[in-house]
C-alpha atoms as a PDB file:
ATOM      1  CA  MET A   1       0.000   0.000   0.000  1.00  0.00           C
ATOM      2  CA  THR A   2       1.316   3.459  -0.930  1.00  0.00           C
ATOM      3  CA  ILE A   3       2.063   5.701   2.037  1.00  0.00           C
ATOM      4  CA  LYS A   4       0.265   9.047   1.744  1.00  0.00           C
ATOM      5  CA  LEU A   5       0.815  10.425   5.253  1.00  0.00           C
ATOM      6  CA  ILE A   6       3.726  10.067   7.686  1.00  0.00           C
ATOM      7  CA  ALA A   7       3.052  11.006  11.310  1.00  0.00           C
ATOM      8  CA  LEU A   8       6.151  11.922  13.286  1.00  0.00           C
ATOM      9  CA  ASP A   9       6.667  12.230  17.006  1.00  0.00           C
ATOM     10  CA  ILE A  10       9.154  14.999  17.831  1.00  0.00           C
ATOM     11  CA  ASP A  11      11.247  14.380  20.936  1.00  0.00           C
ATOM     12  CA  ASP A  12      13.709  11.496  20.465  1.00  0.00           C
ATOM     13  CA  THR A  13      12.176  10.751  17.044  1.00  0.00           C
ATOM     14  CA  LEU A  14      12.392  13.791  14.777  1.00  0.00           C
ATOM     15  CA  LEU A  15      15.052  15.271  17.079  1.00  0.00           C
ATOM     16  CA  ASN A  16      18.354  13.630  17.940  1.00  0.00           C
ATOM     17  CA  SER A  17      19.735  13.473  21.480  1.00  0.00           C
ATOM     18  CA  LYS A  18      20.992  17.062  21.124  1.00  0.00           C
ATOM     19  CA  GLY A  19      17.507  18.315  20.247  1.00  0.00           C
ATOM     20  CA  GLU A  20      18.432  18.839  16.601  1.00  0.00           C
ATOM     21  CA  ILE A  21      17.043  17.634  13.266  1.00  0.00           C
ATOM     22  CA  LEU A  22      19.653  15.686  11.317  1.00  0.00           C
ATOM     23  CA  PRO A  23      20.403  16.830   7.744  1.00  0.00           C
ATOM     24  CA  SER A  24      19.519  13.313   6.551  1.00  0.00           C
ATOM     25  CA  THR A  25      16.063  13.696   8.109  1.00  0.00           C
ATOM     26  CA  ILE A  26      15.492  17.062   6.424  1.00  0.00           C
ATOM     27  CA  ALA A  27      16.509  15.597   3.067  1.00  0.00           C
ATOM     28  CA  ALA A  28      14.201  12.586   3.463  1.00  0.00           C
ATOM     29  CA  VAL A  29      11.271  14.804   4.475  1.00  0.00           C
ATOM     30  CA  HIS A  30      11.881  17.081   1.475  1.00  0.00           C
ATOM     31  CA  ASP A  31      11.838  14.045  -0.822  1.00  0.00           C
ATOM     32  CA  ALA A  32       8.615  12.793   0.772  1.00  0.00           C
ATOM     33  CA  LEU A  33       6.940  16.183   0.358  1.00  0.00           C
ATOM     34  CA  ALA A  34       8.076  16.262  -3.275  1.00  0.00           C
ATOM     35  CA  GLN A  35       6.259  12.950  -3.808  1.00  0.00           C
ATOM     36  CA  GLY A  36       3.065  14.443  -2.357  1.00  0.00           C
ATOM     37  CA  ILE A  37       3.269  12.691   1.020  1.00  0.00           C
ATOM     38  CA  LYS A  38       1.860  14.626   3.957  1.00  0.00           C
ATOM     39  CA  ILE A  39       4.353  14.953   6.824  1.00  0.00           C
ATOM     40  CA  VAL A  40       2.402  15.507  10.039  1.00  0.00           C
ATOM     41  CA  LEU A  41       4.113  16.291  13.325  1.00  0.00           C
ATOM     42  CA  CYS A  42       2.100  14.402  15.935  1.00  0.00           C
ATOM     43  CA  THR A  43       3.158  15.710  19.307  1.00  0.00           C
ATOM     44  CA  GLY A  44       2.292  16.641  22.852  1.00  0.00           C
ATOM     45  CA  ARG A  45       3.616  20.126  22.162  1.00  0.00           C
ATOM     46  CA  PRO A  46       1.479  23.124  21.179  1.00  0.00           C
ATOM     47  CA  LEU A  47       1.788  24.736  17.744  1.00  0.00           C
ATOM     48  CA  ALA A  48       4.143  27.410  19.082  1.00  0.00           C
ATOM     49  CA  GLY A  49       6.511  24.647  20.141  1.00  0.00           C
ATOM     50  CA  VAL A  50       6.776  23.091  16.668  1.00  0.00           C
ATOM     51  CA  LYS A  51       6.958  26.105  14.350  1.00  0.00           C
ATOM     52  CA  SER A  52      10.754  26.174  14.257  1.00  0.00           C
ATOM     53  CA  PHE A  53      10.842  22.484  13.286  1.00  0.00           C
ATOM     54  CA  LEU A  54       8.226  22.983  10.582  1.00  0.00           C
ATOM     55  CA  ALA A  55      10.332  25.796   9.145  1.00  0.00           C
ATOM     56  CA  GLN A  56      13.472  23.635   9.114  1.00  0.00           C
ATOM     57  CA  LEU A  57      11.577  20.852   7.359  1.00  0.00           C
ATOM     58  CA  GLY A  58      10.013  23.167   4.785  1.00  0.00           C
ATOM     59  CA  ILE A  59       6.460  22.315   5.845  1.00  0.00           C
ATOM     60  CA  ALA A  60       4.193  25.325   5.357  1.00  0.00           C
ATOM     61  CA  GLY A  61       0.749  26.402   4.243  1.00  0.00           C
ATOM     62  CA  ASP A  62      -2.872  25.810   5.023  1.00  0.00           C
ATOM     63  CA  ASP A  63      -2.828  22.392   3.331  1.00  0.00           C
ATOM     64  CA  GLN A  64      -0.245  20.923   5.719  1.00  0.00           C
ATOM     65  CA  TYR A  65      -1.228  19.826   9.218  1.00  0.00           C
ATOM     66  CA  VAL A  66      -0.099  19.156  12.770  1.00  0.00           C
ATOM     67  CA  VAL A  67      -1.627  17.092  15.563  1.00  0.00           C
ATOM     68  CA  THR A  68      -0.800  18.969  18.762  1.00  0.00           C
ATOM     69  CA  TYR A  69      -1.350  18.492  22.512  1.00  0.00           C
ATOM     70  CA  ASN A  70      -1.276  14.697  21.957  1.00  0.00           C
ATOM     71  CA  GLY A  71      -4.365  15.013  19.750  1.00  0.00           C
ATOM     72  CA  ALA A  72      -6.396  17.590  21.670  1.00  0.00           C
ATOM     73  CA  ILE A  73      -6.059  20.028  18.762  1.00  0.00           C
ATOM     74  CA  ILE A  74      -5.688  19.292  15.054  1.00  0.00           C
ATOM     75  CA  GLU A  75      -4.810  22.305  12.954  1.00  0.00           C
ATOM     76  CA  SER A  76      -3.176  23.421   9.776  1.00  0.00           C
ATOM     77  CA  VAL A  77       0.403  24.646   9.894  1.00  0.00           C
ATOM     78  CA  ALA A  78      -1.056  28.103   9.234  1.00  0.00           C
ATOM     79  CA  GLY A  79      -3.093  27.817  12.452  1.00  0.00           C
ATOM     80  CA  ARG A  80      -6.559  26.933  11.123  1.00  0.00           C
ATOM     81  CA  VAL A  81      -8.165  24.660  13.717  1.00  0.00           C
ATOM     82  CA  LEU A  82      -9.940  21.593  12.352  1.00  0.00           C
ATOM     83  CA  VAL A  83     -10.750  19.833  15.632  1.00  0.00           C
ATOM     84  CA  LYS A  84     -10.275  20.609  19.303  1.00  0.00           C
ATOM     85  CA  HIS A  85     -11.174  18.728  22.476  1.00  0.00           C
ATOM     86  CA  LEU A  86     -10.654  20.877  25.571  1.00  0.00           C
ATOM     87  CA  LEU A  87     -11.159  20.418  29.318  1.00  0.00           C
ATOM     88  CA  ASP A  88     -13.414  22.825  31.195  1.00  0.00           C
ATOM     89  CA  ARG A  89     -12.591  25.051  34.155  1.00  0.00           C
ATOM     90  CA  ALA A  90     -14.111  22.600  36.658  1.00  0.00           C
ATOM     91  CA  THR A  91     -11.620  19.946  35.542  1.00  0.00           C
ATOM     92  CA  TYR A  92      -8.816  22.508  35.745  1.00  0.00           C
ATOM     93  CA  VAL A  93      -9.812  23.201  39.368  1.00  0.00           C
ATOM     94  CA  ARG A  94     -10.039  19.503  40.194  1.00  0.00           C
ATOM     95  CA  LEU A  95      -6.600  18.746  38.738  1.00  0.00           C
ATOM     96  CA  THR A  96      -4.978  21.687  40.517  1.00  0.00           C
ATOM     97  CA  GLU A  97      -6.506  20.740  43.868  1.00  0.00           C
ATOM     98  CA  PHE A  98      -5.352  17.128  43.454  1.00  0.00           C
ATOM     99  CA  ALA A  99      -1.804  18.242  42.649  1.00  0.00           C
ATOM    100  CA  ALA A 100      -1.678  20.500  45.708  1.00  0.00           C
ATOM    101  CA  ALA A 101      -3.032  17.771  47.993  1.00  0.00           C
ATOM    102  CA  HIS A 102      -0.444  15.281  46.719  1.00  0.00           C
ATOM    103  CA  HIS A 103       2.423  17.793  46.571  1.00  0.00           C
ATOM    104  CA  VAL A 104       3.140  17.233  42.878  1.00  0.00           C
ATOM    105  CA  PRO A 105       4.213  20.110  40.593  1.00  0.00           C
ATOM    106  CA  PHE A 106       1.455  20.858  38.124  1.00  0.00           C
ATOM    107  CA  ASN A 107       0.586  23.163  35.239  1.00  0.00           C
ATOM    108  CA  VAL A 108      -1.910  23.433  32.398  1.00  0.00           C
ATOM    109  CA  LEU A 109      -1.698  24.541  28.780  1.00  0.00           C
ATOM    110  CA  ASP A 110      -4.430  26.507  27.078  1.00  0.00           C
ATOM    111  CA  GLU A 111      -5.139  26.272  23.352  1.00  0.00           C
ATOM    112  CA  HIS A 112      -2.928  29.297  22.657  1.00  0.00           C
ATOM    113  CA  SER A 113       0.272  27.666  23.988  1.00  0.00           C
ATOM    114  CA  THR A 114       0.282  29.557  27.308  1.00  0.00           C
ATOM    115  CA  ILE A 115       1.229  27.703  30.506  1.00  0.00           C
ATOM    116  CA  TYR A 116      -0.654  28.406  33.741  1.00  0.00           C
ATOM    117  CA  THR A 117       0.459  27.127  37.131  1.00  0.00           C
ATOM    118  CA  ALA A 118      -0.764  27.723  40.663  1.00  0.00           C
ATOM    119  CA  ASP A 119       2.666  26.701  41.988  1.00  0.00           C
ATOM    120  CA  ARG A 120       4.530  29.619  43.511  1.00  0.00           C
ATOM    121  CA  ASP A 121       7.703  27.544  43.663  1.00  0.00           C
ATOM    122  CA  ILE A 122       7.826  26.672  39.969  1.00  0.00           C
ATOM    123  CA  ASP A 123       9.375  23.303  39.194  1.00  0.00           C
ATOM    124  CA  PHE A 124      12.387  23.249  36.905  1.00  0.00           C
ATOM    125  CA  MET A 125      10.566  20.991  34.433  1.00  0.00           C
ATOM    126  CA  THR A 126       7.834  23.595  33.995  1.00  0.00           C
ATOM    127  CA  VAL A 127      10.538  26.112  33.080  1.00  0.00           C
ATOM    128  CA  VAL A 128      12.034  23.620  30.615  1.00  0.00           C
ATOM    129  CA  GLN A 129       8.570  23.002  29.171  1.00  0.00           C
ATOM    130  CA  ALA A 130       8.014  26.728  28.625  1.00  0.00           C
ATOM    131  CA  MET A 131      11.429  27.138  27.003  1.00  0.00           C
ATOM    132  CA  GLU A 132      11.087  24.138  24.672  1.00  0.00           C
ATOM    133  CA  ASN A 133       7.625  25.177  23.547  1.00  0.00           C
ATOM    134  CA  SER A 134       8.232  28.925  23.191  1.00  0.00           C
ATOM    135  CA  ALA A 135       5.323  29.290  25.620  1.00  0.00           C
ATOM    136  CA  GLY A 136       4.364  32.134  27.891  1.00  0.00           C
ATOM    137  CA  MET A 137       3.998  31.212  31.567  1.00  0.00           C
ATOM    138  CA  LEU A 138       1.632  32.749  34.093  1.00  0.00           C
ATOM    139  CA  VAL A 139       1.245  32.007  37.799  1.00  0.00           C
ATOM    140  CA  ARG A 140      -2.506  31.883  38.361  1.00  0.00           C
ATOM    141  CA  ASP A 141      -4.905  30.124  40.692  1.00  0.00           C
ATOM    142  CA  PRO A 142      -7.919  28.616  38.877  1.00  0.00           C
ATOM    143  CA  ALA A 143     -10.161  30.934  40.904  1.00  0.00           C
ATOM    144  CA  GLU A 144      -8.601  33.870  39.082  1.00  0.00           C
ATOM    145  CA  MET A 145      -9.672  32.553  35.692  1.00  0.00           C
ATOM    146  CA  PRO A 146     -13.033  33.211  33.974  1.00  0.00           C
ATOM    147  CA  ALA A 147     -15.831  30.653  34.125  1.00  0.00           C
ATOM    148  CA  ASP A 148     -15.434  29.747  30.446  1.00  0.00           C
ATOM    149  CA  PHE A 149     -11.672  29.182  30.688  1.00  0.00           C
ATOM    150  CA  ALA A 150     -10.655  25.907  29.017  1.00  0.00           C
ATOM    151  CA  ILE A 151      -7.406  23.952  28.857  1.00  0.00           C
ATOM    152  CA  ALA A 152      -5.928  21.584  26.291  1.00  0.00           C
ATOM    153  CA  LYS A 153      -4.206  19.453  28.914  1.00  0.00           C
ATOM    154  CA  GLY A 154      -2.945  19.272  32.460  1.00  0.00           C
ATOM    155  CA  LEU A 155       0.599  18.184  33.258  1.00  0.00           C
ATOM    156  CA  PHE A 156       2.009  16.711  36.440  1.00  0.00           C
ATOM    157  CA  VAL A 157       5.729  17.401  36.101  1.00  0.00           C
ATOM    158  CA  GLY A 158       8.985  16.839  37.923  1.00  0.00           C
ATOM    159  CA  ARG A 159      11.693  14.326  38.610  1.00  0.00           C
ATOM    160  CA  ARG A 160      11.108  10.723  37.530  1.00  0.00           C
ATOM    161  CA  ALA A 161      10.912   9.490  41.122  1.00  0.00           C
ATOM    162  CA  VAL A 162       8.241  12.070  41.983  1.00  0.00           C
ATOM    163  CA  LEU A 163       6.047  11.056  39.046  1.00  0.00           C
ATOM    164  CA  ASP A 164       6.699   7.342  39.582  1.00  0.00           C
ATOM    165  CA  ALA A 165       5.259   7.742  43.077  1.00  0.00           C
ATOM    166  CA  ALA A 166       2.336   9.937  41.966  1.00  0.00           C
ATOM    167  CA  GLU A 167       1.275   8.091  38.811  1.00  0.00           C
ATOM    168  CA  PRO A 168      -0.823   5.325  40.442  1.00  0.00           C
ATOM    169  CA  ALA A 169      -2.873   7.907  42.360  1.00  0.00           C
ATOM    170  CA  VAL A 170      -3.335  10.071  39.254  1.00  0.00           C
ATOM    171  CA  VAL A 171      -4.499   7.089  37.203  1.00  0.00           C
ATOM    172  CA  ALA A 172      -6.846   5.951  39.987  1.00  0.00           C
ATOM    173  CA  GLU A 173      -8.386   9.420  40.306  1.00  0.00           C
ATOM    174  CA  PHE A 174      -8.618  10.436  36.654  1.00  0.00           C
ATOM    175  CA  GLY A 175      -8.052   7.355  34.494  1.00  0.00           C
ATOM    176  CA  ASP A 176     -11.717   6.396  34.135  1.00  0.00           C
ATOM    177  CA  ASP A 177     -12.801   9.856  32.997  1.00  0.00           C
ATOM    178  CA  PHE A 178      -9.849  11.203  31.038  1.00  0.00           C
ATOM    179  CA  TYR A 179      -6.912  10.178  28.863  1.00  0.00           C
ATOM    180  CA  VAL A 180      -3.935   9.854  31.201  1.00  0.00           C
ATOM    181  CA  VAL A 181      -0.507   9.134  29.704  1.00  0.00           C
ATOM    182  CA  ARG A 182       3.099   9.213  30.860  1.00  0.00           C
ATOM    183  CA  ALA A 183       4.453  11.134  27.903  1.00  0.00           C
ATOM    184  CA  SER A 184       8.025  10.992  29.228  1.00  0.00           C
ATOM    185  CA  PRO A 185       9.793  10.316  32.527  1.00  0.00           C
ATOM    186  CA  ASN A 186       9.172  13.936  33.544  1.00  0.00           C
ATOM    187  CA  PHE A 187       5.625  14.513  32.258  1.00  0.00           C
ATOM    188  CA  LEU A 188       2.359  12.813  33.225  1.00  0.00           C
ATOM    189  CA  GLU A 189      -0.486  14.294  31.195  1.00  0.00           C
ATOM    190  CA  VAL A 190      -4.283  14.433  31.510  1.00  0.00           C
ATOM    191  CA  MET A 191      -6.509  15.235  28.526  1.00  0.00           C
ATOM    192  CA  ALA A 192     -10.087  14.838  27.329  1.00  0.00           C
ATOM    193  CA  PRO A 193     -11.243  11.209  27.015  1.00  0.00           C
ATOM    194  CA  GLN A 194     -11.594  11.423  23.222  1.00  0.00           C
ATOM    195  CA  VAL A 195      -7.950  12.483  22.904  1.00  0.00           C
ATOM    196  CA  ASP A 196      -4.795  10.591  22.048  1.00  0.00           C
ATOM    197  CA  LYS A 197      -2.372  10.684  19.122  1.00  0.00           C
ATOM    198  CA  GLY A 198      -4.168   7.821  17.392  1.00  0.00           C
ATOM    199  CA  LYS A 199      -7.602   9.423  17.618  1.00  0.00           C
ATOM    200  CA  GLY A 200      -6.190  12.732  16.411  1.00  0.00           C
ATOM    201  CA  LEU A 201      -4.456  11.051  13.513  1.00  0.00           C
ATOM    202  CA  ALA A 202      -7.636   9.157  12.636  1.00  0.00           C
ATOM    203  CA  GLU A 203      -9.671  12.373  12.628  1.00  0.00           C
ATOM    204  CA  LEU A 204      -7.163  14.097  10.358  1.00  0.00           C
ATOM    205  CA  ALA A 205      -6.879  11.120   7.992  1.00  0.00           C
ATOM    206  CA  LYS A 206     -10.661  10.980   7.670  1.00  0.00           C
ATOM    207  CA  GLN A 207     -10.820  14.651   6.719  1.00  0.00           C
ATOM    208  CA  LEU A 208      -8.045  14.118   4.154  1.00  0.00           C
ATOM    209  CA  GLU A 209      -9.715  10.937   2.837  1.00  0.00           C
ATOM    210  CA  ILE A 210      -6.628   8.886   3.643  1.00  0.00           C
ATOM    211  CA  THR A 211      -7.052   5.338   4.949  1.00  0.00           C
ATOM    212  CA  ALA A 212      -5.210   3.889   7.945  1.00  0.00           C
ATOM    213  CA  ALA A 213      -3.353   1.550   5.593  1.00  0.00           C
ATOM    214  CA  GLU A 214      -1.897   4.625   3.847  1.00  0.00           C
ATOM    215  CA  VAL A 215      -0.523   6.054   7.112  1.00  0.00           C
ATOM    216  CA  MET A 216       2.934   5.466   8.575  1.00  0.00           C
ATOM    217  CA  ALA A 217       3.593   6.523  12.182  1.00  0.00           C
ATOM    218  CA  VAL A 218       7.011   6.898  13.792  1.00  0.00           C
ATOM    219  CA  GLY A 219       7.602   7.292  17.517  1.00  0.00           C
ATOM    220  CA  ASP A 220       9.504   6.172  20.571  1.00  0.00           C
ATOM    221  CA  GLU A 221       7.317   6.276  23.685  1.00  0.00           C
ATOM    222  CA  ALA A 222       4.085   5.090  25.308  1.00  0.00           C
ATOM    223  CA  ASN A 223       2.107   8.114  24.131  1.00  0.00           C
ATOM    224  CA  ASP A 224       2.902   7.024  20.541  1.00  0.00           C
ATOM    225  CA  LEU A 225       1.179   3.642  20.934  1.00  0.00           C
ATOM    226  CA  PRO A 226      -2.301   4.919  19.951  1.00  0.00           C
ATOM    227  CA  MET A 227      -0.976   6.179  16.615  1.00  0.00           C
ATOM    228  CA  PHE A 228       0.843   2.862  16.192  1.00  0.00           C
ATOM    229  CA  SER A 229      -2.518   1.125  16.645  1.00  0.00           C
ATOM    230  CA  PHE A 230      -4.165   3.315  14.009  1.00  0.00           C
ATOM    231  CA  ALA A 231      -1.452   3.451  11.359  1.00  0.00           C
ATOM    232  CA  GLY A 232      -1.027   0.711   8.816  1.00  0.00           C
ATOM    233  CA  THR A 233       2.745   0.927   9.316  1.00  0.00           C
ATOM    234  CA  ALA A 234       4.099   1.538  12.833  1.00  0.00           C
ATOM    235  CA  VAL A 235       7.795   2.341  13.221  1.00  0.00           C
ATOM    236  CA  ALA A 236       9.656   2.528  16.534  1.00  0.00           C
ATOM    237  CA  MET A 237      12.972   4.310  16.874  1.00  0.00           C
ATOM    238  CA  GLY A 238      15.960   2.227  17.891  1.00  0.00           C
ATOM    239  CA  ASN A 239      16.372   4.477  20.937  1.00  0.00           C
ATOM    240  CA  GLY A 240      12.706   4.044  21.866  1.00  0.00           C
ATOM    241  CA  SER A 241      11.217   2.334  24.888  1.00  0.00           C
ATOM    242  CA  GLU A 242      10.765  -1.411  24.898  1.00  0.00           C
ATOM    243  CA  ILE A 243       6.990  -0.978  24.962  1.00  0.00           C
ATOM    244  CA  ALA A 244       7.142   1.132  21.794  1.00  0.00           C
ATOM    245  CA  LYS A 245       9.356  -1.404  20.055  1.00  0.00           C
ATOM    246  CA  GLY A 246       7.027  -4.196  21.122  1.00  0.00           C
ATOM    247  CA  HIS A 247       4.057  -2.520  19.419  1.00  0.00           C
ATOM    248  CA  ALA A 248       5.849  -1.612  16.182  1.00  0.00           C
ATOM    249  CA  ASP A 249       5.825  -3.313  12.799  1.00  0.00           C
ATOM    250  CA  TYR A 250       9.388  -2.174  12.196  1.00  0.00           C
ATOM    251  CA  VAL A 251      12.237  -0.940  14.400  1.00  0.00           C
ATOM    252  CA  THR A 252      14.582   1.497  12.697  1.00  0.00           C
ATOM    253  CA  GLY A 253      17.928   2.934  13.786  1.00  0.00           C
ATOM    254  CA  THR A 254      18.358   5.432  16.580  1.00  0.00           C
ATOM    255  CA  ASN A 255      17.633   9.143  16.408  1.00  0.00           C
ATOM    256  CA  ASP A 256      21.374   9.842  16.401  1.00  0.00           C
ATOM    257  CA  ALA A 257      22.128   7.349  13.630  1.00  0.00           C
ATOM    258  CA  GLY A 258      19.651   8.604  11.014  1.00  0.00           C
ATOM    259  CA  GLY A 259      16.993   6.033  11.833  1.00  0.00           C
ATOM    260  CA  LEU A 260      14.104   8.287  10.873  1.00  0.00           C
ATOM    261  CA  ALA A 261      15.478   9.070   7.416  1.00  0.00           C
ATOM    262  CA  ASP A 262      16.211   5.382   6.877  1.00  0.00           C
ATOM    263  CA  ALA A 263      12.632   4.432   7.729  1.00  0.00           C
ATOM    264  CA  ILE A 264      11.119   7.096   5.470  1.00  0.00           C
ATOM    265  CA  ARG A 265      13.265   6.040   2.523  1.00  0.00           C
ATOM    266  CA  LYS A 266      12.817   2.310   3.028  1.00  0.00           C
ATOM    267  CA  LEU A 267       9.103   2.213   3.826  1.00  0.00           C
ATOM    268  CA  ALA A 268       7.487   5.257   2.235  1.00  0.00           C
ATOM    269  CA  LEU A 269       9.389   6.710  -0.703  1.00  0.00           C
ATOM    270  CA  ALA A 270       8.876   5.432  -4.194  1.00  0.00           C
ATOM    271  CA  PRO A 271      12.074   4.655  -6.125  1.00  0.00           C
ATOM    272  CA  VAL A 272      13.264   7.545  -8.252  1.00  0.00           C
ATOM    273  CA  GLU A 273      14.081   6.542 -11.815  1.00  0.00           C
ATOM    274  CA  ASN A 274      17.188   7.983 -13.433  1.00  0.00           C
END
């Protein structure tokens, strides 16, 4: 089956261990775009946090798309929103109160890439999050926000040991009502129940009239498993987690060894005749 859309995770997939896009990846993406293949960044980041990568890859325009906030928002690269699934203010309050009671650093992201936290002692990982995503950061209590305030996701953040200890309680409290995923060792995220990367990818593919069999997804972590389940071709990075590798159809090289470019060329690009 011809691949018409390639969904790419960003951290440790598109980016190498230095947080950079390899020249071989840029070249492979350019060749895929030239063959009419959609390259869709499918990420937990907001749009503001992926614009620099889109520019490096040469992905632009209102007919190219991104799946952001782990699927909570699907939009064009130009910022036209196709789908969004947000959490209401009551959920924002509930999450913040839980975090305070369990002494876990916590913040939320709105649909405009702004971070809000009620923590006066801001955790280092929240600062890193703001820096990586080119996001503004405001210290606000939920009570200060308007009644119609909505969030794209809530994030319990911090050192691995802190989140390891907190995760069972978070899942027990919110897992039945929301999508809860450990996106990385330092981020435990809560989103609307109809949200995950696979659902977001499925919604976009439907709008583009692309079948699951025509989709290739590449990732490295547990939050990539839903898009692995949807895509006809699931590719795990060689540096990925064992759970990601176990759910993949194909394991490519690492993010430092050009594994992404290798997978695109081997599995998606049509041979070019001389």
